[in-house]
Amino acid sequence: MGNFNQALFQAIYGFARKNFFLDVLGIFLAQYLPYLLVLGFLILVFYYARSYKMRFLVFVDGALAVILARGILTEVIRFFYHHARPFDVFGFTPLVGESGSSFPSGHAAFLFALALVVFYYNRKMGIWYLVLALVNGLARVYTGVHWPMDILGGAIIGLASGFFTHWLVKPIFEKLSAAEPRGADPLGK
């Protein structure tokens, strides 16, 4: 698996530093796209949800998923398992600054957890979030700070966290949805 991981990394990173505009795009997607996705989530929560209780519940679902994925599971794995980043292994300067253990990708864990929560409440927006979480992961490989398997590991952690927290929150959501006026969509979809 290590040879495949390195070969896939080199295939993706091989495009870096050859085109200025592609590098700028890769840096933007790797570093700044997550901020836009968080902003989009907050818009979903505060604009689409009809009641304060629904807003709070959707926000809590997303926050718990992100905290579990990025703040707990990723850090526990990194505490017990250190994996060097590609730029440490191959001795080059990445396009974005990063430090610490490579596996699993905290960005991927965070964004896939958030994407799954968004998907549960708004399928169309959730599909975009899942695609953009993957794009961010590819950009993190392109910029030289993650191996492809780091992204896969982070995605699995993020999706599992999003599933678990939604499983916890779903009964409350259904109870609140039943309390909404008949015919009203609690998220305004």
N, C-alpha and C. Protein backbone atom coordinates (compact mmCIF):
# COMPACT_ATOMS: atom_id res chain seq x y z
N MET A 1 0.83 -1.20 0.00
CA MET A 1 0.00 0.00 0.00
C MET A 1 0.87 1.26 0.00
N GLY A 2 2.04 1.18 0.64
CA GLY A 2 2.94 2.33 0.71
C GLY A 2 3.42 2.77 -0.66
N ASN A 3 3.76 1.82 -1.52
CA ASN A 3 4.23 2.16 -2.87
C ASN A 3 3.12 2.81 -3.69
N PHE A 4 1.89 2.28 -3.56
CA PHE A 4 0.75 2.85 -4.26
C PHE A 4 0.49 4.28 -3.78
N ASN A 5 0.55 4.48 -2.47
CA ASN A 5 0.33 5.79 -1.86
C ASN A 5 1.36 6.79 -2.39
N GLN A 6 2.63 6.38 -2.42
CA GLN A 6 3.68 7.26 -2.92
C GLN A 6 3.54 7.53 -4.41
N ALA A 7 3.21 6.50 -5.18
CA ALA A 7 3.05 6.67 -6.62
C ALA A 7 1.88 7.61 -6.95
N LEU A 8 0.77 7.45 -6.24
CA LEU A 8 -0.38 8.32 -6.45
C LEU A 8 -0.05 9.75 -6.04
N PHE A 9 0.65 9.90 -4.92
CA PHE A 9 1.08 11.23 -4.49
C PHE A 9 1.93 11.89 -5.57
N GLN A 10 2.92 11.17 -6.07
CA GLN A 10 3.83 11.73 -7.07
C GLN A 10 3.10 12.07 -8.37
N ALA A 11 2.08 11.29 -8.71
CA ALA A 11 1.30 11.59 -9.92
C ALA A 11 0.54 12.90 -9.76
N ILE A 12 -0.03 13.14 -8.57
CA ILE A 12 -0.80 14.37 -8.33
C ILE A 12 0.15 15.55 -8.11
N TYR A 13 1.14 15.37 -7.25
CA TYR A 13 2.07 16.46 -6.95
C TYR A 13 2.95 16.80 -8.16
N GLY A 14 3.07 15.89 -9.09
CA GLY A 14 3.87 16.13 -10.28
C GLY A 14 3.40 17.31 -11.11
N PHE A 15 2.14 17.72 -10.94
CA PHE A 15 1.60 18.88 -11.66
C PHE A 15 1.96 20.20 -10.97
N ALA A 16 2.38 20.14 -9.71
CA ALA A 16 2.68 21.35 -8.94
C ALA A 16 3.93 22.03 -9.49
N ARG A 17 3.94 23.35 -9.32
CA ARG A 17 5.09 24.19 -9.70
C ARG A 17 5.36 24.23 -11.21
N LYS A 18 4.38 23.85 -11.99
CA LYS A 18 4.55 23.90 -13.45
C LYS A 18 3.69 25.00 -14.08
N ASN A 19 2.64 25.42 -13.35
CA ASN A 19 1.73 26.45 -13.85
C ASN A 19 1.34 27.34 -12.69
N PHE A 20 1.66 28.63 -12.80
CA PHE A 20 1.39 29.58 -11.72
C PHE A 20 -0.08 29.60 -11.31
N PHE A 21 -0.97 29.65 -12.29
CA PHE A 21 -2.40 29.75 -12.00
C PHE A 21 -2.94 28.47 -11.35
N LEU A 22 -2.44 27.33 -11.79
CA LEU A 22 -2.84 26.06 -11.17
C LEU A 22 -2.35 25.99 -9.73
N ASP A 23 -1.14 26.50 -9.48
CA ASP A 23 -0.62 26.54 -8.11
C ASP A 23 -1.45 27.45 -7.22
N VAL A 24 -1.83 28.62 -7.73
CA VAL A 24 -2.67 29.56 -6.96
C VAL A 24 -4.02 28.91 -6.65
N LEU A 25 -4.60 28.24 -7.65
CA LEU A 25 -5.86 27.55 -7.43
C LEU A 25 -5.71 26.44 -6.40
N GLY A 26 -4.63 25.66 -6.50
CA GLY A 26 -4.38 24.59 -5.52
C GLY A 26 -4.23 25.13 -4.11
N ILE A 27 -3.50 26.24 -3.97
CA ILE A 27 -3.32 26.86 -2.65
C ILE A 27 -4.66 27.35 -2.11
N PHE A 28 -5.45 28.01 -2.97
CA PHE A 28 -6.76 28.49 -2.54
C PHE A 28 -7.65 27.34 -2.07
N LEU A 29 -7.69 26.28 -2.87
CA LEU A 29 -8.57 25.15 -2.53
C LEU A 29 -8.07 24.42 -1.27
N ALA A 30 -6.77 24.37 -1.08
CA ALA A 30 -6.21 23.66 0.07
C ALA A 30 -6.35 24.46 1.36
N GLN A 31 -6.21 25.79 1.27
CA GLN A 31 -6.19 26.60 2.48
C GLN A 31 -7.47 27.38 2.76
N TYR A 32 -8.11 27.91 1.73
CA TYR A 32 -9.21 28.86 1.95
C TYR A 32 -10.60 28.31 1.66
N LEU A 33 -10.70 27.25 0.88
CA LEU A 33 -12.00 26.64 0.62
C LEU A 33 -12.72 26.23 1.91
N PRO A 34 -12.02 25.67 2.91
CA PRO A 34 -12.73 25.30 4.14
C PRO A 34 -13.47 26.46 4.80
N TYR A 35 -12.92 27.66 4.73
CA TYR A 35 -13.60 28.82 5.32
C TYR A 35 -14.92 29.10 4.61
N LEU A 36 -14.91 28.97 3.29
CA LEU A 36 -16.14 29.19 2.53
C LEU A 36 -17.19 28.12 2.84
N LEU A 37 -16.73 26.89 3.05
CA LEU A 37 -17.67 25.81 3.37
C LEU A 37 -18.27 26.00 4.76
N VAL A 38 -17.48 26.47 5.71
CA VAL A 38 -18.02 26.76 7.04
C VAL A 38 -19.03 27.90 6.94
N LEU A 39 -18.71 28.93 6.18
CA LEU A 39 -19.64 30.03 5.98
C LEU A 39 -20.95 29.53 5.35
N GLY A 40 -20.84 28.67 4.36
CA GLY A 40 -22.03 28.09 3.74
C GLY A 40 -22.86 27.29 4.72
N PHE A 41 -22.20 26.56 5.61
CA PHE A 41 -22.92 25.80 6.63
C PHE A 41 -23.68 26.75 7.56
N LEU A 42 -23.04 27.83 7.96
CA LEU A 42 -23.70 28.80 8.84
C LEU A 42 -24.89 29.46 8.15
N ILE A 43 -24.76 29.70 6.84
CA ILE A 43 -25.89 30.23 6.08
C ILE A 43 -27.02 29.21 6.06
N LEU A 44 -26.69 27.95 5.83
CA LEU A 44 -27.71 26.88 5.87
C LEU A 44 -28.42 26.89 7.21
N VAL A 45 -27.66 26.96 8.28
CA VAL A 45 -28.24 26.91 9.62
C VAL A 45 -29.13 28.12 9.88
N PHE A 46 -28.62 29.30 9.64
CA PHE A 46 -29.34 30.50 10.06
C PHE A 46 -30.30 31.06 9.02
N TYR A 47 -30.16 30.64 7.78
CA TYR A 47 -31.06 31.15 6.76
C TYR A 47 -32.17 30.17 6.42
N TYR A 48 -31.81 28.89 6.29
CA TYR A 48 -32.78 27.91 5.84
C TYR A 48 -33.65 27.35 6.95
N ALA A 49 -33.08 27.17 8.13
CA ALA A 49 -33.89 26.60 9.23
C ALA A 49 -34.93 27.62 9.66
N ARG A 50 -36.17 27.17 9.83
CA ARG A 50 -37.27 28.08 10.09
C ARG A 50 -37.41 28.49 11.56
N SER A 51 -37.08 27.63 12.47
CA SER A 51 -37.25 27.97 13.88
C SER A 51 -35.89 28.00 14.58
N TYR A 52 -35.86 28.70 15.71
CA TYR A 52 -34.61 28.77 16.48
C TYR A 52 -34.19 27.40 16.98
N LYS A 53 -35.16 26.58 17.32
CA LYS A 53 -34.84 25.22 17.79
C LYS A 53 -34.19 24.40 16.68
N MET A 54 -34.73 24.53 15.47
CA MET A 54 -34.15 23.81 14.33
C MET A 54 -32.74 24.33 14.04
N ARG A 55 -32.57 25.64 14.07
CA ARG A 55 -31.25 26.22 13.83
C ARG A 55 -30.24 25.67 14.82
N PHE A 56 -30.64 25.68 16.07
CA PHE A 56 -29.74 25.20 17.11
C PHE A 56 -29.41 23.73 16.90
N LEU A 57 -30.41 22.94 16.56
CA LEU A 57 -30.21 21.51 16.39
C LEU A 57 -29.29 21.20 15.21
N VAL A 58 -29.49 21.86 14.08
CA VAL A 58 -28.63 21.64 12.92
C VAL A 58 -27.20 22.09 13.24
N PHE A 59 -27.07 23.23 13.92
CA PHE A 59 -25.75 23.71 14.31
C PHE A 59 -25.06 22.71 15.25
N VAL A 60 -25.78 22.20 16.22
CA VAL A 60 -25.21 21.23 17.17
C VAL A 60 -24.80 19.96 16.44
N ASP A 61 -25.62 19.50 15.51
CA ASP A 61 -25.28 18.30 14.74
C ASP A 61 -23.95 18.50 14.01
N GLY A 62 -23.81 19.62 13.32
CA GLY A 62 -22.57 19.92 12.61
C GLY A 62 -21.39 20.09 13.54
N ALA A 63 -21.60 20.83 14.62
CA ALA A 63 -20.50 21.08 15.56
C ALA A 63 -20.03 19.79 16.23
N LEU A 64 -20.95 18.95 16.63
CA LEU A 64 -20.56 17.67 17.25
C LEU A 64 -19.80 16.78 16.28
N ALA A 65 -20.26 16.74 15.02
CA ALA A 65 -19.59 15.92 14.01
C ALA A 65 -18.16 16.40 13.78
N VAL A 66 -17.98 17.70 13.68
CA VAL A 66 -16.66 18.27 13.44
C VAL A 66 -15.75 18.07 14.65
N ILE A 67 -16.28 18.29 15.84
CA ILE A 67 -15.48 18.11 17.06
C ILE A 67 -15.06 16.65 17.20
N LEU A 68 -15.98 15.73 16.96
CA LEU A 68 -15.64 14.31 17.07
C LEU A 68 -14.59 13.93 16.03
N ALA A 69 -14.80 14.35 14.78
CA ALA A 69 -13.89 13.96 13.69
C ALA A 69 -12.52 14.60 13.83
N ARG A 70 -12.50 15.93 13.91
CA ARG A 70 -11.23 16.66 13.87
C ARG A 70 -10.60 16.82 15.25
N GLY A 71 -11.43 17.11 16.23
CA GLY A 71 -10.90 17.42 17.55
C GLY A 71 -10.58 16.22 18.41
N ILE A 72 -11.24 15.10 18.15
CA ILE A 72 -11.03 13.93 19.01
C ILE A 72 -10.38 12.79 18.24
N LEU A 73 -11.09 12.20 17.28
CA LEU A 73 -10.59 11.00 16.61
C LEU A 73 -9.28 11.22 15.87
N THR A 74 -9.19 12.31 15.10
CA THR A 74 -7.96 12.59 14.37
C THR A 74 -6.79 12.76 15.33
N GLU A 75 -7.00 13.50 16.39
CA GLU A 75 -5.92 13.76 17.35
C GLU A 75 -5.52 12.51 18.12
N VAL A 76 -6.47 11.65 18.45
CA VAL A 76 -6.14 10.39 19.14
C VAL A 76 -5.28 9.52 18.23
N ILE A 77 -5.67 9.41 16.97
CA ILE A 77 -4.88 8.60 16.03
C ILE A 77 -3.48 9.19 15.87
N ARG A 78 -3.39 10.50 15.73
CA ARG A 78 -2.08 11.13 15.57
C ARG A 78 -1.21 10.99 16.82
N PHE A 79 -1.83 10.90 17.97
CA PHE A 79 -1.07 10.73 19.21
C PHE A 79 -0.37 9.37 19.24
N PHE A 80 -1.06 8.35 18.74
CA PHE A 80 -0.51 7.00 18.78
C PHE A 80 0.23 6.60 17.50
N TYR A 81 -0.03 7.30 16.40
CA TYR A 81 0.57 6.91 15.13
C TYR A 81 1.10 8.14 14.42
N HIS A 82 2.41 8.23 14.28
CA HIS A 82 3.00 9.36 13.57
C HIS A 82 3.37 8.92 12.16
N HIS A 83 2.92 9.70 11.20
CA HIS A 83 3.25 9.42 9.80
C HIS A 83 3.82 10.71 9.21
N ALA A 84 5.01 10.65 8.67
CA ALA A 84 5.68 11.83 8.11
C ALA A 84 4.93 12.37 6.90
N ARG A 85 4.96 13.67 6.77
CA ARG A 85 4.33 14.32 5.62
C ARG A 85 5.21 14.12 4.37
N PRO A 86 4.61 14.22 3.19
CA PRO A 86 5.38 14.00 1.96
C PRO A 86 6.60 14.91 1.83
N PHE A 87 6.47 16.18 2.22
CA PHE A 87 7.60 17.08 2.08
C PHE A 87 8.74 16.73 3.03
N ASP A 88 8.42 16.06 4.15
CA ASP A 88 9.47 15.58 5.05
C ASP A 88 10.18 14.36 4.45
N VAL A 89 9.41 13.50 3.81
CA VAL A 89 9.97 12.28 3.23
C VAL A 89 10.84 12.60 2.02
N PHE A 90 10.34 13.47 1.13
CA PHE A 90 11.03 13.75 -0.12
C PHE A 90 11.92 14.99 -0.07
N GLY A 91 11.85 15.75 1.02
CA GLY A 91 12.73 16.90 1.20
C GLY A 91 12.47 18.07 0.26
N PHE A 92 11.23 18.48 0.12
CA PHE A 92 10.92 19.66 -0.71
C PHE A 92 10.10 20.64 0.13
N THR A 93 9.93 21.83 -0.37
CA THR A 93 9.12 22.84 0.31
C THR A 93 7.71 22.79 -0.28
N PRO A 94 6.69 22.54 0.57
CA PRO A 94 5.32 22.45 0.04
C PRO A 94 4.80 23.83 -0.35
N LEU A 95 3.72 23.85 -1.09
CA LEU A 95 3.11 25.11 -1.52
C LEU A 95 2.40 25.82 -0.38
N VAL A 96 2.01 25.09 0.65
CA VAL A 96 1.39 25.69 1.84
C VAL A 96 2.13 25.18 3.07
N GLY A 97 2.13 25.99 4.11
CA GLY A 97 2.81 25.60 5.33
C GLY A 97 1.98 24.61 6.14
N GLU A 98 2.63 23.62 6.68
CA GLU A 98 1.95 22.61 7.49
C GLU A 98 2.99 21.92 8.35
N SER A 99 2.57 21.38 9.47
CA SER A 99 3.49 20.65 10.34
C SER A 99 2.74 19.53 11.04
N GLY A 100 3.48 18.71 11.75
CA GLY A 100 2.87 17.62 12.51
C GLY A 100 2.69 16.37 11.67
N SER A 101 1.98 15.44 12.27
CA SER A 101 1.73 14.16 11.63
C SER A 101 0.78 14.31 10.44
N SER A 102 0.97 13.46 9.47
CA SER A 102 0.21 13.54 8.24
C SER A 102 -1.11 12.77 8.29
N PHE A 103 -1.12 11.62 8.95
CA PHE A 103 -2.29 10.74 8.93
C PHE A 103 -3.05 10.81 10.24
N PRO A 104 -4.35 10.91 10.15
CA PRO A 104 -5.22 11.20 9.01
C PRO A 104 -5.30 12.70 8.77
N SER A 105 -5.80 13.07 7.62
CA SER A 105 -5.95 14.50 7.30
C SER A 105 -7.04 15.12 8.16
N GLY A 106 -6.66 16.11 8.94
CA GLY A 106 -7.63 16.82 9.76
C GLY A 106 -8.61 17.62 8.91
N HIS A 107 -8.10 18.19 7.82
CA HIS A 107 -8.99 18.94 6.92
C HIS A 107 -10.05 18.01 6.33
N ALA A 108 -9.63 16.83 5.88
CA ALA A 108 -10.60 15.90 5.29
C ALA A 108 -11.60 15.43 6.34
N ALA A 109 -11.12 15.12 7.55
CA ALA A 109 -12.03 14.69 8.62
C ALA A 109 -13.06 15.78 8.89
N PHE A 110 -12.61 17.00 9.02
CA PHE A 110 -13.48 18.15 9.30
C PHE A 110 -14.50 18.34 8.18
N LEU A 111 -14.01 18.42 6.93
CA LEU A 111 -14.90 18.75 5.82
C LEU A 111 -15.86 17.63 5.45
N PHE A 112 -15.43 16.38 5.56
CA PHE A 112 -16.36 15.29 5.25
C PHE A 112 -17.42 15.14 6.35
N ALA A 113 -17.05 15.40 7.60
CA ALA A 113 -18.05 15.39 8.68
C ALA A 113 -19.09 16.47 8.43
N LEU A 114 -18.61 17.67 8.12
CA LEU A 114 -19.51 18.78 7.85
C LEU A 114 -20.38 18.50 6.62
N ALA A 115 -19.76 17.94 5.58
CA ALA A 115 -20.50 17.65 4.34
C ALA A 115 -21.62 16.65 4.57
N LEU A 116 -21.37 15.62 5.37
CA LEU A 116 -22.42 14.63 5.60
C LEU A 116 -23.57 15.24 6.40
N VAL A 117 -23.26 16.07 7.36
CA VAL A 117 -24.32 16.73 8.12
C VAL A 117 -25.14 17.63 7.20
N VAL A 118 -24.48 18.39 6.34
CA VAL A 118 -25.20 19.23 5.38
C VAL A 118 -26.07 18.36 4.48
N PHE A 119 -25.54 17.23 4.05
CA PHE A 119 -26.29 16.31 3.19
C PHE A 119 -27.57 15.83 3.87
N TYR A 120 -27.51 15.54 5.15
CA TYR A 120 -28.70 15.08 5.87
C TYR A 120 -29.82 16.12 5.86
N TYR A 121 -29.46 17.39 5.87
CA TYR A 121 -30.47 18.43 5.97
C TYR A 121 -30.82 19.08 4.63
N ASN A 122 -29.91 19.00 3.67
CA ASN A 122 -30.15 19.58 2.35
C ASN A 122 -29.35 18.77 1.35
N ARG A 123 -29.98 17.83 0.68
CA ARG A 123 -29.28 16.86 -0.18
C ARG A 123 -28.49 17.54 -1.30
N LYS A 124 -29.10 18.50 -1.96
CA LYS A 124 -28.43 19.16 -3.08
C LYS A 124 -27.16 19.88 -2.60
N MET A 125 -27.29 20.64 -1.55
CA MET A 125 -26.12 21.35 -1.00
C MET A 125 -25.11 20.34 -0.45
N GLY A 126 -25.60 19.26 0.13
CA GLY A 126 -24.72 18.23 0.69
C GLY A 126 -23.87 17.55 -0.36
N ILE A 127 -24.44 17.30 -1.54
CA ILE A 127 -23.65 16.70 -2.63
C ILE A 127 -22.51 17.64 -3.02
N TRP A 128 -22.82 18.93 -3.12
CA TRP A 128 -21.76 19.90 -3.42
C TRP A 128 -20.68 19.89 -2.34
N TYR A 129 -21.11 19.81 -1.11
CA TYR A 129 -20.15 19.78 0.00
C TYR A 129 -19.26 18.54 -0.07
N LEU A 130 -19.83 17.41 -0.39
CA LEU A 130 -19.03 16.19 -0.50
C LEU A 130 -18.02 16.31 -1.63
N VAL A 131 -18.45 16.85 -2.76
CA VAL A 131 -17.54 17.04 -3.89
C VAL A 131 -16.43 18.03 -3.52
N LEU A 132 -16.79 19.13 -2.87
CA LEU A 132 -15.79 20.13 -2.50
C LEU A 132 -14.85 19.63 -1.39
N ALA A 133 -15.34 18.76 -0.52
CA ALA A 133 -14.45 18.14 0.48
C ALA A 133 -13.41 17.28 -0.23
N LEU A 134 -13.83 16.56 -1.25
CA LEU A 134 -12.89 15.76 -2.03
C LEU A 134 -11.91 16.65 -2.79
N VAL A 135 -12.40 17.74 -3.36
CA VAL A 135 -11.54 18.69 -4.07
C VAL A 135 -10.49 19.26 -3.11
N ASN A 136 -10.91 19.61 -1.90
CA ASN A 136 -9.95 20.10 -0.90
C ASN A 136 -8.90 19.05 -0.61
N GLY A 137 -9.32 17.79 -0.48
CA GLY A 137 -8.37 16.71 -0.23
C GLY A 137 -7.36 16.57 -1.35
N LEU A 138 -7.82 16.63 -2.58
CA LEU A 138 -6.91 16.55 -3.73
C LEU A 138 -5.95 17.75 -3.75
N ALA A 139 -6.47 18.91 -3.38
CA ALA A 139 -5.62 20.10 -3.32
C ALA A 139 -4.56 19.98 -2.23
N ARG A 140 -4.91 19.32 -1.13
CA ARG A 140 -3.93 19.12 -0.05
C ARG A 140 -2.81 18.18 -0.52
N VAL A 141 -3.15 17.23 -1.37
CA VAL A 141 -2.12 16.36 -1.96
C VAL A 141 -1.32 17.17 -2.98
N TYR A 142 -2.00 17.91 -3.82
CA TYR A 142 -1.36 18.73 -4.86
C TYR A 142 -0.34 19.71 -4.26
N THR A 143 -0.68 20.30 -3.11
CA THR A 143 0.21 21.28 -2.49
C THR A 143 1.34 20.62 -1.71
N GLY A 144 1.32 19.30 -1.59
CA GLY A 144 2.44 18.57 -1.00
C GLY A 144 2.39 18.34 0.49
N VAL A 145 1.22 18.54 1.11
CA VAL A 145 1.17 18.38 2.57
C VAL A 145 0.51 17.08 3.04
N HIS A 146 -0.10 16.32 2.13
CA HIS A 146 -0.74 15.06 2.51
C HIS A 146 -0.51 13.99 1.46
N TRP A 147 -0.53 12.76 1.94
CA TRP A 147 -0.55 11.58 1.08
C TRP A 147 -2.01 11.31 0.72
N PRO A 148 -2.29 10.65 -0.39
CA PRO A 148 -3.67 10.30 -0.73
C PRO A 148 -4.37 9.48 0.36
N MET A 149 -3.65 8.56 1.01
CA MET A 149 -4.28 7.74 2.05
C MET A 149 -4.61 8.56 3.30
N ASP A 150 -3.93 9.68 3.50
CA ASP A 150 -4.29 10.60 4.59
C ASP A 150 -5.69 11.15 4.36
N ILE A 151 -5.96 11.50 3.11
CA ILE A 151 -7.26 12.05 2.74
C ILE A 151 -8.33 10.98 2.90
N LEU A 152 -8.05 9.77 2.43
CA LEU A 152 -9.01 8.68 2.57
C LEU A 152 -9.30 8.40 4.05
N GLY A 153 -8.27 8.35 4.86
CA GLY A 153 -8.45 8.12 6.30
C GLY A 153 -9.27 9.22 6.95
N GLY A 154 -8.97 10.48 6.60
CA GLY A 154 -9.74 11.60 7.13
C GLY A 154 -11.18 11.57 6.68
N ALA A 155 -11.40 11.19 5.41
CA ALA A 155 -12.77 11.11 4.88
C ALA A 155 -13.57 10.04 5.62
N ILE A 156 -12.97 8.90 5.87
CA ILE A 156 -13.67 7.83 6.59
C ILE A 156 -14.02 8.28 8.00
N ILE A 157 -13.08 8.92 8.68
CA ILE A 157 -13.33 9.42 10.04
C ILE A 157 -14.44 10.48 10.01
N GLY A 158 -14.37 11.39 9.04
CA GLY A 158 -15.37 12.44 8.95
C GLY A 158 -16.76 11.90 8.66
N LEU A 159 -16.86 10.97 7.72
CA LEU A 159 -18.16 10.39 7.39
C LEU A 159 -18.72 9.58 8.55
N ALA A 160 -17.87 8.82 9.22
CA ALA A 160 -18.33 8.04 10.37
C ALA A 160 -18.79 8.97 11.49
N SER A 161 -18.08 10.04 11.71
CA SER A 161 -18.47 11.00 12.75
C SER A 161 -19.79 11.68 12.42
N GLY A 162 -19.94 12.10 11.15
CA GLY A 162 -21.19 12.72 10.73
C GLY A 162 -22.37 11.78 10.86
N PHE A 163 -22.16 10.51 10.50
CA PHE A 163 -23.21 9.50 10.64
C PHE A 163 -23.58 9.31 12.11
N PHE A 164 -22.57 9.17 12.97
CA PHE A 164 -22.81 8.91 14.38
C PHE A 164 -23.53 10.07 15.05
N THR A 165 -23.06 11.29 14.84
CA THR A 165 -23.71 12.42 15.51
C THR A 165 -25.12 12.64 14.99
N HIS A 166 -25.33 12.42 13.68
CA HIS A 166 -26.68 12.57 13.16
C HIS A 166 -27.61 11.48 13.71
N TRP A 167 -27.07 10.30 13.88
CA TRP A 167 -27.85 9.22 14.49
C TRP A 167 -28.30 9.62 15.90
N LEU A 168 -27.44 10.33 16.63
CA LEU A 168 -27.80 10.80 17.97
C LEU A 168 -28.84 11.92 17.92
N VAL A 169 -28.72 12.81 16.95
CA VAL A 169 -29.56 14.00 16.88
C VAL A 169 -30.88 13.76 16.14
N LYS A 170 -30.90 12.78 15.26
CA LYS A 170 -32.06 12.55 14.40
C LYS A 170 -33.39 12.41 15.16
N PRO A 171 -33.47 11.67 16.26
CA PRO A 171 -34.76 11.58 16.97
C PRO A 171 -35.28 12.94 17.44
N ILE A 172 -34.38 13.81 17.86
CA ILE A 172 -34.79 15.14 18.30
C ILE A 172 -35.26 15.95 17.09
N PHE A 173 -34.54 15.84 15.97
CA PHE A 173 -34.91 16.54 14.75
C PHE A 173 -36.30 16.11 14.30
N GLU A 174 -36.56 14.80 14.31
CA GLU A 174 -37.87 14.30 13.89
C GLU A 174 -38.98 14.79 14.81
N LYS A 175 -38.69 14.85 16.10
CA LYS A 175 -39.69 15.35 17.05
C LYS A 175 -39.99 16.83 16.79
N LEU A 176 -38.94 17.62 16.53
CA LEU A 176 -39.15 19.04 16.22
C LEU A 176 -39.85 19.22 14.88
N SER A 177 -39.51 18.39 13.90
CA SER A 177 -40.15 18.47 12.58
C SER A 177 -41.64 18.17 12.69
N ALA A 178 -42.00 17.22 13.54
CA ALA A 178 -43.41 16.88 13.73
C ALA A 178 -44.16 18.03 14.38
N ALA A 179 -43.46 18.86 15.15
CA ALA A 179 -44.10 19.98 15.83
C ALA A 179 -44.27 21.19 14.92
N GLU A 180 -43.61 21.20 13.75
CA GLU A 180 -43.73 22.29 12.80
C GLU A 180 -45.17 22.29 12.24
N PRO A 181 -45.66 23.46 11.81
CA PRO A 181 -47.00 23.50 11.21
C PRO A 181 -47.09 22.56 10.01
N ARG A 182 -48.26 21.97 9.84
CA ARG A 182 -48.46 20.99 8.76
C ARG A 182 -48.11 21.62 7.41
N GLY A 183 -47.32 20.89 6.63
CA GLY A 183 -46.93 21.35 5.31
C GLY A 183 -45.70 22.23 5.31
N ALA A 184 -45.25 22.68 6.49
CA ALA A 184 -44.07 23.53 6.54
C ALA A 184 -42.81 22.65 6.51
N ASP A 185 -41.86 23.07 5.74
CA ASP A 185 -40.58 22.36 5.68
C ASP A 185 -39.66 23.00 6.71
N PRO A 186 -39.19 22.22 7.70
CA PRO A 186 -38.41 22.81 8.77
C PRO A 186 -37.11 23.47 8.32
N LEU A 187 -36.61 23.09 7.15
CA LEU A 187 -35.39 23.73 6.66
C LEU A 187 -35.64 24.61 5.45
N GLY A 188 -36.87 24.73 5.05
CA GLY A 188 -37.19 25.60 3.93
C GLY A 188 -36.64 25.14 2.61
N LYS A 189 -36.49 23.82 2.42
CA LYS A 189 -35.93 23.30 1.16
C LYS A 189 -36.94 23.41 0.05
